[in-house]
Protein backbone atom coordinates (compact mmCIF):
# COMPACT_ATOMS: atom_id res chain seq x y z
CA MET A 1 -27.85 -5.91 32.10
CA THR A 2 -24.38 -6.46 31.82
CA ASP A 3 -21.50 -4.61 29.89
CA THR A 4 -19.73 -6.43 27.23
CA PRO A 5 -15.87 -6.21 27.51
CA LYS A 6 -13.82 -3.91 25.28
CA ALA A 7 -11.26 -6.19 22.82
CA TYR A 8 -7.52 -5.17 21.79
CA TRP A 9 -5.04 -6.17 19.25
CA ILE A 10 -1.44 -5.47 20.44
CA ALA A 11 0.63 -5.84 18.07
CA ASN A 12 4.39 -5.85 18.61
CA VAL A 13 6.59 -5.56 15.30
CA THR A 14 9.94 -4.70 14.44
CA VAL A 15 9.96 -3.67 10.70
CA THR A 16 12.77 -4.94 7.83
CA ASP A 17 11.75 -4.17 4.84
CA PRO A 18 9.89 -0.42 5.00
CA ASP A 19 8.91 -0.46 1.32
CA ALA A 20 6.96 -3.45 1.70
CA TYR A 21 5.15 -2.79 4.76
CA GLN A 22 4.52 0.18 3.35
CA ASN A 23 1.93 -2.01 0.68
CA TYR A 24 0.53 -3.42 4.18
CA GLN A 25 0.25 -0.21 5.59
CA SER A 26 -1.91 0.87 2.10
CA ILE A 27 -4.60 -1.83 2.82
CA ALA A 28 -4.95 -2.79 6.60
CA PRO A 29 -7.28 0.55 7.44
CA ASP A 30 -10.03 -0.78 5.04
CA ALA A 31 -10.03 -3.67 8.01
CA PHE A 32 -9.71 -1.71 10.63
CA ARG A 33 -12.32 1.12 9.21
CA LYS A 34 -14.63 -1.66 8.52
CA TYR A 35 -14.95 -3.63 12.07
CA GLY A 36 -14.83 -0.66 14.10
CA ALA A 37 -11.50 -0.59 15.43
CA ARG A 38 -9.98 2.50 17.16
CA PHE A 39 -5.50 2.79 17.29
CA LEU A 40 -5.00 3.68 20.96
CA ALA A 41 -1.68 3.62 20.83
CA ARG A 42 0.54 3.26 17.36
CA GLY A 43 4.45 4.31 16.95
CA ASP A 44 7.76 3.82 18.41
CA ALA A 45 8.20 1.70 22.06
CA GLU A 46 10.87 1.22 24.70
CA THR A 47 11.34 -2.26 25.91
CA LEU A 48 11.50 -2.10 29.36
CA GLU A 49 12.02 -6.30 30.43
CA GLY A 50 11.35 -8.83 27.33
CA THR A 51 12.12 -8.63 24.13
CA ASN A 52 12.71 -5.69 22.37
CA TRP A 53 10.21 -4.69 19.42
CA GLN A 54 10.66 -1.37 17.49
CA ARG A 55 7.02 -0.56 17.40
CA ARG A 56 3.76 -1.53 19.61
CA VAL A 57 0.22 -1.06 18.52
CA ILE A 58 -2.85 -0.96 20.41
CA ILE A 59 -6.47 -0.99 18.98
CA GLU A 60 -9.63 -1.15 20.70
CA PHE A 61 -12.66 -3.06 19.36
CA ASP A 62 -16.19 -3.21 20.74
CA THR A 63 -16.15 -7.04 21.38
CA MET A 64 -14.09 -9.64 21.64
CA GLN A 65 -16.03 -11.21 18.19
CA GLN A 66 -15.48 -8.19 16.73
CA ALA A 67 -11.95 -8.33 16.74
CA ARG A 68 -11.53 -11.43 15.74
CA ASN A 69 -14.25 -11.10 13.03
CA CYS A 70 -11.50 -8.68 11.70
CA TYR A 71 -8.65 -10.41 12.00
CA ASN A 72 -9.75 -12.90 9.91
CA SER A 73 -11.27 -11.14 6.90
CA THR A 74 -10.61 -11.05 3.83
CA GLU A 75 -9.60 -7.97 3.83
CA TYR A 76 -6.63 -8.22 6.70
CA GLN A 77 -5.66 -11.08 5.34
CA THR A 78 -5.12 -9.57 1.99
CA ALA A 79 -2.96 -6.79 4.41
CA ARG A 80 -1.49 -9.15 6.10
CA LYS A 81 -0.06 -11.40 2.85
CA LYS A 82 1.67 -7.90 1.84
CA ARG A 83 3.31 -7.47 4.95
CA ALA A 84 4.73 -11.49 4.82
CA GLY A 85 8.81 -10.61 5.19
CA ALA A 86 8.53 -7.23 5.81
CA CYS A 87 8.26 -7.46 9.10
CA ASN A 88 8.76 -9.30 12.06
CA ALA A 89 5.41 -9.26 14.21
CA ASP A 90 3.15 -10.61 17.46
CA ILE A 91 0.10 -9.82 17.55
CA ALA A 92 -2.29 -11.11 20.68
CA LEU A 93 -6.14 -10.80 21.38
CA ILE A 94 -7.00 -9.28 24.69
CA GLU A 95 -10.51 -9.25 26.22
CA GLY A 96 -10.00 -6.03 28.06
CA LEU A 97 -11.73 -5.50 32.18
């Protein structure tokens, strides 16, 4: 039996409209709870190389499919629409070791 690797969302975010971003933050947790997400890191970040982002977020899921399902879910896509124009963001999905 082989272990299925965990999967991680890595999000880099700079908030440009804190009030509008609150709308996203108020409903996004519904999707994360539904898909068993665990926040491993979230907050201000110090950039040592590359693009300077205000915040970094690392979210763990049990599988890649679970992470994809969360991102593509109605719950998360609704939240994503709420953050449109409220921040600049890059989000990557990465398979764990």
